[in-house]
Amino acid sequence: MAPVPYTPEAAAAADAPTNAANLAPSASPSSASAAQPSLYQRLGGEAAVTQAVDVFYKAIMADPELAPFFEGVDMAKQRRKQVRV
């Protein structure tokens, strides 16, 4: 089977179920977004994302090859950036 060439249309079609409109809660939900929760909401909202980010950074900081990249980084601030919508 030959590879499918990249086109913006193909990329948009492939990304349609998880496009940016579904990632974060909408400030003024339309009837379509009100009917279907955002990806952020489906994942469990702030509590679930916070927990996932904490698990991720604990693993990073425990890795001797990756931890040096974060020396001097305010990790509480870094975690907040990852959770913020």
PDB file of N, CA and C in Angstrom:
ATOM      1  N   MET A   1       0.846  -1.174   0.000  1.00  0.00           N
ATOM      2  CA  MET A   1       0.000   0.000   0.000  1.00  0.00           C
ATOM      3  C   MET A   1       0.890   1.235   0.000  1.00  0.00           C
ATOM      4  N   ALA A   2       0.644   2.162  -0.904  1.00  0.00           N
ATOM      5  CA  ALA A   2       1.454   3.369  -1.038  1.00  0.00           C
ATOM      6  C   ALA A   2       1.089   4.374   0.052  1.00  0.00           C
ATOM      7  N   PRO A   3       2.066   5.147   0.530  1.00  0.00           N
ATOM      8  CA  PRO A   3       1.759   6.159   1.528  1.00  0.00           C
ATOM      9  C   PRO A   3       0.863   7.249   0.952  1.00  0.00           C
ATOM     10  N   VAL A   4       0.035   7.797   1.787  1.00  0.00           N
ATOM     11  CA  VAL A   4      -0.868   8.871   1.374  1.00  0.00           C
ATOM     12  C   VAL A   4      -0.115  10.188   1.531  1.00  0.00           C
ATOM     13  N   PRO A   5      -0.061  11.012   0.466  1.00  0.00           N
ATOM     14  CA  PRO A   5       0.653  12.279   0.580  1.00  0.00           C
ATOM     15  C   PRO A   5      -0.065  13.234   1.535  1.00  0.00           C
ATOM     16  N   TYR A   6       0.723  14.081   2.195  1.00  0.00           N
ATOM     17  CA  TYR A   6       0.156  15.070   3.110  1.00  0.00           C
ATOM     18  C   TYR A   6      -0.555  16.166   2.339  1.00  0.00           C
ATOM     19  N   THR A   7      -1.745  16.481   2.773  1.00  0.00           N
ATOM     20  CA  THR A   7      -2.453  17.665   2.289  1.00  0.00           C
ATOM     21  C   THR A   7      -3.135  18.291   3.493  1.00  0.00           C
ATOM     22  N   PRO A   8      -3.299  19.614   3.511  1.00  0.00           N
ATOM     23  CA  PRO A   8      -3.996  20.231   4.632  1.00  0.00           C
ATOM     24  C   PRO A   8      -5.405  19.675   4.823  1.00  0.00           C
ATOM     25  N   GLU A   9      -6.057  19.347   3.721  1.00  0.00           N
ATOM     26  CA  GLU A   9      -7.418  18.807   3.823  1.00  0.00           C
ATOM     27  C   GLU A   9      -7.417  17.445   4.507  1.00  0.00           C
ATOM     28  N   ALA A  10      -6.447  16.607   4.151  1.00  0.00           N
ATOM     29  CA  ALA A  10      -6.373  15.281   4.766  1.00  0.00           C
ATOM     30  C   ALA A  10      -6.043  15.406   6.252  1.00  0.00           C
ATOM     31  N   ALA A  11      -5.149  16.329   6.584  1.00  0.00           N
ATOM     32  CA  ALA A  11      -4.799  16.534   7.985  1.00  0.00           C
ATOM     33  C   ALA A  11      -6.002  17.022   8.777  1.00  0.00           C
ATOM     34  N   ALA A  12      -6.766  17.950   8.209  1.00  0.00           N
ATOM     35  CA  ALA A  12      -7.958  18.464   8.892  1.00  0.00           C
ATOM     36  C   ALA A  12      -8.979  17.350   9.088  1.00  0.00           C
ATOM     37  N   ALA A  13      -9.151  16.520   8.086  1.00  0.00           N
ATOM     38  CA  ALA A  13     -10.111  15.419   8.194  1.00  0.00           C
ATOM     39  C   ALA A  13      -9.657  14.413   9.254  1.00  0.00           C
ATOM     40  N   ALA A  14      -8.359  14.132   9.308  1.00  0.00           N
ATOM     41  CA  ALA A  14      -7.845  13.181  10.287  1.00  0.00           C
ATOM     42  C   ALA A  14      -7.971  13.726  11.699  1.00  0.00           C
ATOM     43  N   ASP A  15      -7.847  15.041  11.847  1.00  0.00           N
ATOM     44  CA  ASP A  15      -7.911  15.661  13.165  1.00  0.00           C
ATOM     45  C   ASP A  15      -9.313  16.076  13.577  1.00  0.00           C
ATOM     46  N   ALA A  16     -10.277  15.908  12.742  1.00  0.00           N
ATOM     47  CA  ALA A  16     -11.623  16.413  13.016  1.00  0.00           C
ATOM     48  C   ALA A  16     -12.185  15.985  14.369  1.00  0.00           C
ATOM     49  N   PRO A  17     -12.096  14.728  14.789  1.00  0.00           N
ATOM     50  CA  PRO A  17     -12.702  14.362  16.075  1.00  0.00           C
ATOM     51  C   PRO A  17     -12.038  15.014  17.282  1.00  0.00           C
ATOM     52  N   THR A  18     -10.765  15.410  17.161  1.00  0.00           N
ATOM     53  CA  THR A  18     -10.062  15.999  18.297  1.00  0.00           C
ATOM     54  C   THR A  18      -9.488  17.367  17.943  1.00  0.00           C
ATOM     55  N   ASN A  19     -10.228  18.151  17.175  1.00  0.00           N
ATOM     56  CA  ASN A  19      -9.707  19.469  16.812  1.00  0.00           C
ATOM     57  C   ASN A  19      -9.680  20.397  18.019  1.00  0.00           C
ATOM     58  N   ALA A  20      -9.077  21.568  17.874  1.00  0.00           N
ATOM     59  CA  ALA A  20      -8.865  22.488  18.991  1.00  0.00           C
ATOM     60  C   ALA A  20     -10.165  22.889  19.677  1.00  0.00           C
ATOM     61  N   ALA A  21     -11.260  22.932  18.969  1.00  0.00           N
ATOM     62  CA  ALA A  21     -12.532  23.319  19.577  1.00  0.00           C
ATOM     63  C   ALA A  21     -12.971  22.333  20.653  1.00  0.00           C
ATOM     64  N   ASN A  22     -12.500  21.098  20.570  1.00  0.00           N
ATOM     65  CA  ASN A  22     -12.887  20.090  21.558  1.00  0.00           C
ATOM     66  C   ASN A  22     -11.906  19.966  22.718  1.00  0.00           C
ATOM     67  N   LEU A  23     -10.783  20.688  22.685  1.00  0.00           N
ATOM     68  CA  LEU A  23      -9.758  20.503  23.704  1.00  0.00           C
ATOM     69  C   LEU A  23     -10.052  21.209  25.013  1.00  0.00           C
ATOM     70  N   ALA A  24     -10.552  22.419  24.964  1.00  0.00           N
ATOM     71  CA  ALA A  24     -10.769  23.182  26.192  1.00  0.00           C
ATOM     72  C   ALA A  24     -12.221  23.606  26.293  1.00  0.00           C
ATOM     73  N   PRO A  25     -12.681  23.835  27.520  1.00  0.00           N
ATOM     74  CA  PRO A  25     -14.058  24.290  27.676  1.00  0.00           C
ATOM     75  C   PRO A  25     -14.272  25.612  26.954  1.00  0.00           C
ATOM     76  N   SER A  26     -15.403  25.743  26.333  1.00  0.00           N
ATOM     77  CA  SER A  26     -15.731  26.961  25.594  1.00  0.00           C
ATOM     78  C   SER A  26     -16.257  28.022  26.547  1.00  0.00           C
ATOM     79  N   ALA A  27     -15.895  29.293  26.300  1.00  0.00           N
ATOM     80  CA  ALA A  27     -16.364  30.387  27.143  1.00  0.00           C
ATOM     81  C   ALA A  27     -17.868  30.568  27.005  1.00  0.00           C
ATOM     82  N   SER A  28     -18.374  30.429  25.799  1.00  0.00           N
ATOM     83  CA  SER A  28     -19.814  30.507  25.578  1.00  0.00           C
ATOM     84  C   SER A  28     -20.216  29.319  24.719  1.00  0.00           C
ATOM     85  N   PRO A  29     -20.597  28.218  25.355  1.00  0.00           N
ATOM     86  CA  PRO A  29     -20.857  26.993  24.603  1.00  0.00           C
ATOM     87  C   PRO A  29     -22.011  27.146  23.616  1.00  0.00           C
ATOM     88  N   SER A  30     -21.774  26.649  22.409  1.00  0.00           N
ATOM     89  CA  SER A  30     -22.841  26.605  21.417  1.00  0.00           C
ATOM     90  C   SER A  30     -23.657  25.348  21.685  1.00  0.00           C
ATOM     91  N   SER A  31     -24.724  25.182  20.964  1.00  0.00           N
ATOM     92  CA  SER A  31     -25.563  24.007  21.188  1.00  0.00           C
ATOM     93  C   SER A  31     -24.801  22.729  20.867  1.00  0.00           C
ATOM     94  N   ALA A  32     -23.883  22.771  19.885  1.00  0.00           N
ATOM     95  CA  ALA A  32     -23.116  21.576  19.536  1.00  0.00           C
ATOM     96  C   ALA A  32     -22.125  21.223  20.647  1.00  0.00           C
ATOM     97  N   SER A  33     -21.384  22.211  21.174  1.00  0.00           N
ATOM     98  CA  SER A  33     -20.411  21.897  22.212  1.00  0.00           C
ATOM     99  C   SER A  33     -21.090  21.631  23.551  1.00  0.00           C
ATOM    100  N   ALA A  34     -22.288  22.183  23.757  1.00  0.00           N
ATOM    101  CA  ALA A  34     -23.012  21.915  24.990  1.00  0.00           C
ATOM    102  C   ALA A  34     -23.487  20.461  25.013  1.00  0.00           C
ATOM    103  N   ALA A  35     -23.748  19.903  23.839  1.00  0.00           N
ATOM    104  CA  ALA A  35     -24.221  18.529  23.755  1.00  0.00           C
ATOM    105  C   ALA A  35     -23.078  17.537  23.990  1.00  0.00           C
ATOM    106  N   GLN A  36     -21.871  17.901  23.594  1.00  0.00           N
ATOM    107  CA  GLN A  36     -20.734  17.003  23.750  1.00  0.00           C
ATOM    108  C   GLN A  36     -19.673  17.688  24.602  1.00  0.00           C
ATOM    109  N   PRO A  37     -19.276  17.076  25.714  1.00  0.00           N
ATOM    110  CA  PRO A  37     -18.252  17.682  26.568  1.00  0.00           C
ATOM    111  C   PRO A  37     -16.915  17.764  25.826  1.00  0.00           C
ATOM    112  N   SER A  38     -16.100  18.721  26.210  1.00  0.00           N
ATOM    113  CA  SER A  38     -14.781  18.876  25.598  1.00  0.00           C
ATOM    114  C   SER A  38     -13.895  17.693  25.974  1.00  0.00           C
ATOM    115  N   LEU A  39     -12.799  17.549  25.254  1.00  0.00           N
ATOM    116  CA  LEU A  39     -11.829  16.505  25.568  1.00  0.00           C
ATOM    117  C   LEU A  39     -11.320  16.691  26.998  1.00  0.00           C
ATOM    118  N   TYR A  40     -11.043  17.929  27.374  1.00  0.00           N
ATOM    119  CA  TYR A  40     -10.587  18.244  28.731  1.00  0.00           C
ATOM    120  C   TYR A  40     -11.593  17.730  29.758  1.00  0.00           C
ATOM    121  N   GLN A  41     -12.870  17.976  29.531  1.00  0.00           N
ATOM    122  CA  GLN A  41     -13.916  17.498  30.445  1.00  0.00           C
ATOM    123  C   GLN A  41     -14.010  15.982  30.431  1.00  0.00           C
ATOM    124  N   ARG A  42     -13.912  15.371  29.236  1.00  0.00           N
ATOM    125  CA  ARG A  42     -14.001  13.907  29.140  1.00  0.00           C
ATOM    126  C   ARG A  42     -12.833  13.226  29.835  1.00  0.00           C
ATOM    127  N   LEU A  43     -11.678  13.879  29.870  1.00  0.00           N
ATOM    128  CA  LEU A  43     -10.516  13.305  30.555  1.00  0.00           C
ATOM    129  C   LEU A  43     -10.617  13.409  32.065  1.00  0.00           C
ATOM    130  N   GLY A  44     -11.543  14.213  32.559  1.00  0.00           N
ATOM    131  CA  GLY A  44     -11.733  14.345  33.998  1.00  0.00           C
ATOM    132  C   GLY A  44     -11.470  15.739  34.523  1.00  0.00           C
ATOM    133  N   GLY A  45     -11.248  16.688  33.626  1.00  0.00           N
ATOM    134  CA  GLY A  45     -11.068  18.075  34.034  1.00  0.00           C
ATOM    135  C   GLY A  45      -9.751  18.324  34.734  1.00  0.00           C
ATOM    136  N   GLU A  46      -9.728  19.407  35.499  1.00  0.00           N
ATOM    137  CA  GLU A  46      -8.490  19.855  36.129  1.00  0.00           C
ATOM    138  C   GLU A  46      -7.875  18.800  37.047  1.00  0.00           C
ATOM    139  N   ALA A  47      -8.681  18.110  37.823  1.00  0.00           N
ATOM    140  CA  ALA A  47      -8.148  17.122  38.770  1.00  0.00           C
ATOM    141  C   ALA A  47      -7.396  16.006  38.044  1.00  0.00           C
ATOM    142  N   ALA A  48      -7.969  15.483  36.970  1.00  0.00           N
ATOM    143  CA  ALA A  48      -7.329  14.384  36.248  1.00  0.00           C
ATOM    144  C   ALA A  48      -6.080  14.847  35.513  1.00  0.00           C
ATOM    145  N   VAL A  49      -6.135  16.017  34.908  1.00  0.00           N
ATOM    146  CA  VAL A  49      -4.973  16.536  34.180  1.00  0.00           C
ATOM    147  C   VAL A  49      -3.851  16.854  35.164  1.00  0.00           C
ATOM    148  N   THR A  50      -4.183  17.421  36.311  1.00  0.00           N
ATOM    149  CA  THR A  50      -3.185  17.705  37.343  1.00  0.00           C
ATOM    150  C   THR A  50      -2.490  16.418  37.772  1.00  0.00           C
ATOM    151  N   GLN A  51      -3.259  15.378  37.993  1.00  0.00           N
ATOM    152  CA  GLN A  51      -2.682  14.098  38.406  1.00  0.00           C
ATOM    153  C   GLN A  51      -1.777  13.530  37.312  1.00  0.00           C
ATOM    154  N   ALA A  52      -2.198  13.607  36.061  1.00  0.00           N
ATOM    155  CA  ALA A  52      -1.377  13.096  34.957  1.00  0.00           C
ATOM    156  C   ALA A  52      -0.070  13.878  34.840  1.00  0.00           C
ATOM    157  N   VAL A  53      -0.140  15.194  34.992  1.00  0.00           N
ATOM    158  CA  VAL A  53       1.059  16.032  34.921  1.00  0.00           C
ATOM    159  C   VAL A  53       1.998  15.693  36.075  1.00  0.00           C
ATOM    160  N   ASP A  54       1.462  15.487  37.273  1.00  0.00           N
ATOM    161  CA  ASP A  54       2.289  15.118  38.421  1.00  0.00           C
ATOM    162  C   ASP A  54       3.008  13.791  38.188  1.00  0.00           C
ATOM    163  N   VAL A  55       2.292  12.806  37.686  1.00  0.00           N
ATOM    164  CA  VAL A  55       2.897  11.501  37.397  1.00  0.00           C
ATOM    165  C   VAL A  55       3.993  11.654  36.341  1.00  0.00           C
ATOM    166  N   PHE A  56       3.723  12.451  35.306  1.00  0.00           N
ATOM    167  CA  PHE A  56       4.693  12.680  34.233  1.00  0.00           C
ATOM    168  C   PHE A  56       5.981  13.290  34.786  1.00  0.00           C
ATOM    169  N   TYR A  57       5.858  14.380  35.561  1.00  0.00           N
ATOM    170  CA  TYR A  57       7.056  15.055  36.055  1.00  0.00           C
ATOM    171  C   TYR A  57       7.787  14.244  37.116  1.00  0.00           C
ATOM    172  N   LYS A  58       7.090  13.433  37.892  1.00  0.00           N
ATOM    173  CA  LYS A  58       7.780  12.547  38.837  1.00  0.00           C
ATOM    174  C   LYS A  58       8.665  11.565  38.072  1.00  0.00           C
ATOM    175  N   ALA A  59       8.145  11.038  36.978  1.00  0.00           N
ATOM    176  CA  ALA A  59       8.928  10.108  36.159  1.00  0.00           C
ATOM    177  C   ALA A  59      10.112  10.827  35.506  1.00  0.00           C
ATOM    178  N   ILE A  60       9.891  12.029  35.014  1.00  0.00           N
ATOM    179  CA  ILE A  60      10.967  12.796  34.385  1.00  0.00           C
ATOM    180  C   ILE A  60      12.075  13.085  35.398  1.00  0.00           C
ATOM    181  N   MET A  61      11.682  13.540  36.587  1.00  0.00           N
ATOM    182  CA  MET A  61      12.667  13.918  37.600  1.00  0.00           C
ATOM    183  C   MET A  61      13.408  12.709  38.165  1.00  0.00           C
ATOM    184  N   ALA A  62      12.830  11.527  38.049  1.00  0.00           N
ATOM    185  CA  ALA A  62      13.480  10.305  38.519  1.00  0.00           C
ATOM    186  C   ALA A  62      14.445   9.735  37.474  1.00  0.00           C
ATOM    187  N   ASP A  63      14.380  10.243  36.254  1.00  0.00           N
ATOM    188  CA  ASP A  63      15.220   9.749  35.168  1.00  0.00           C
ATOM    189  C   ASP A  63      16.544  10.518  35.162  1.00  0.00           C
ATOM    190  N   PRO A  64      17.661   9.840  35.375  1.00  0.00           N
ATOM    191  CA  PRO A  64      18.948  10.539  35.454  1.00  0.00           C
ATOM    192  C   PRO A  64      19.361  11.234  34.153  1.00  0.00           C
ATOM    193  N   GLU A  65      18.829  10.809  33.024  1.00  0.00           N
ATOM    194  CA  GLU A  65      19.164  11.461  31.754  1.00  0.00           C
ATOM    195  C   GLU A  65      18.304  12.698  31.499  1.00  0.00           C
ATOM    196  N   LEU A  66      17.074  12.708  32.003  1.00  0.00           N
ATOM    197  CA  LEU A  66      16.168  13.822  31.732  1.00  0.00           C
ATOM    198  C   LEU A  66      16.154  14.882  32.826  1.00  0.00           C
ATOM    199  N   ALA A  67      16.338  14.479  34.063  1.00  0.00           N
ATOM    200  CA  ALA A  67      16.262  15.414  35.189  1.00  0.00           C
ATOM    201  C   ALA A  67      17.184  16.622  35.038  1.00  0.00           C
ATOM    202  N   PRO A  68      18.407  16.467  34.511  1.00  0.00           N
ATOM    203  CA  PRO A  68      19.278  17.647  34.387  1.00  0.00           C
ATOM    204  C   PRO A  68      18.695  18.774  33.521  1.00  0.00           C
ATOM    205  N   PHE A  69      17.820  18.445  32.602  1.00  0.00           N
ATOM    206  CA  PHE A  69      17.204  19.474  31.766  1.00  0.00           C
ATOM    207  C   PHE A  69      16.300  20.398  32.582  1.00  0.00           C
ATOM    208  N   PHE A  70      15.900  19.953  33.766  1.00  0.00           N
ATOM    209  CA  PHE A  70      14.983  20.726  34.592  1.00  0.00           C
ATOM    210  C   PHE A  70      15.660  21.338  35.818  1.00  0.00           C
ATOM    211  N   GLU A  71      16.987  21.266  35.883  1.00  0.00           N
ATOM    212  CA  GLU A  71      17.711  21.881  36.997  1.00  0.00           C
ATOM    213  C   GLU A  71      17.445  23.381  36.978  1.00  0.00           C
ATOM    214  N   GLY A  72      17.089  23.920  38.123  1.00  0.00           N
ATOM    215  CA  GLY A  72      16.825  25.344  38.236  1.00  0.00           C
ATOM    216  C   GLY A  72      15.436  25.765  37.795  1.00  0.00           C
ATOM    217  N   VAL A  73      14.624  24.825  37.351  1.00  0.00           N
ATOM    218  CA  VAL A  73      13.261  25.132  36.909  1.00  0.00           C
ATOM    219  C   VAL A  73      12.322  25.092  38.107  1.00  0.00           C
ATOM    220  N   ASP A  74      11.472  26.082  38.212  1.00  0.00           N
ATOM    221  CA  ASP A  74      10.436  26.103  39.256  1.00  0.00           C
ATOM    222  C   ASP A  74       9.383  25.066  38.837  1.00  0.00           C
ATOM    223  N   MET A  75       9.466  23.875  39.416  1.00  0.00           N
ATOM    224  CA  MET A  75       8.604  22.774  38.975  1.00  0.00           C
ATOM    225  C   MET A  75       7.136  23.010  39.309  1.00  0.00           C
ATOM    226  N   ALA A  76       6.839  23.718  40.399  1.00  0.00           N
ATOM    227  CA  ALA A  76       5.436  24.023  40.703  1.00  0.00           C
ATOM    228  C   ALA A  76       4.857  24.908  39.602  1.00  0.00           C
ATOM    229  N   LYS A  77       5.643  25.889  39.173  1.00  0.00           N
ATOM    230  CA  LYS A  77       5.196  26.775  38.086  1.00  0.00           C
ATOM    231  C   LYS A  77       5.068  25.989  36.776  1.00  0.00           C
ATOM    232  N   GLN A  78       6.029  25.104  36.508  1.00  0.00           N
ATOM    233  CA  GLN A  78       5.998  24.288  35.287  1.00  0.00           C
ATOM    234  C   GLN A  78       4.746  23.417  35.259  1.00  0.00           C
ATOM    235  N   ARG A  79       4.409  22.819  36.394  1.00  0.00           N
ATOM    236  CA  ARG A  79       3.204  21.978  36.474  1.00  0.00           C
ATOM    237  C   ARG A  79       1.944  22.810  36.230  1.00  0.00           C
ATOM    238  N   ARG A  80       1.888  24.005  36.827  1.00  0.00           N
ATOM    239  CA  ARG A  80       0.714  24.868  36.630  1.00  0.00           C
ATOM    240  C   ARG A  80       0.535  25.218  35.158  1.00  0.00           C
ATOM    241  N   LYS A  81       1.635  25.455  34.455  1.00  0.00           N
ATOM    242  CA  LYS A  81       1.554  25.783  33.017  1.00  0.00           C
ATOM    243  C   LYS A  81       0.938  24.632  32.231  1.00  0.00           C
ATOM    244  N   GLN A  82       1.271  23.418  32.615  1.00  0.00           N
ATOM    245  CA  GLN A  82       0.779  22.242  31.884  1.00  0.00           C
ATOM    246  C   GLN A  82      -0.707  21.988  32.137  1.00  0.00           C
ATOM    247  N   VAL A  83      -1.195  22.383  33.297  1.00  0.00           N
ATOM    248  CA  VAL A  83      -2.588  22.112  33.664  1.00  0.00           C
ATOM    249  C   VAL A  83      -3.515  23.221  33.209  1.00  0.00           C
ATOM    250  N   ARG A  84      -2.991  24.423  33.109  1.00  0.00           N
ATOM    251  CA  ARG A  84      -3.804  25.593  32.778  1.00  0.00           C
ATOM    252  C   ARG A  84      -4.497  25.423  31.440  1.00  0.00           C
ATOM    253  N   VAL A  85      -5.741  25.843  31.380  1.00  0.00           N
ATOM    254  CA  VAL A  85      -6.518  25.756  30.129  1.00  0.00           C
ATOM    255  C   VAL A  85      -6.543  27.099  29.458  1.00  0.00           C
TER     256      VAL A  85
END
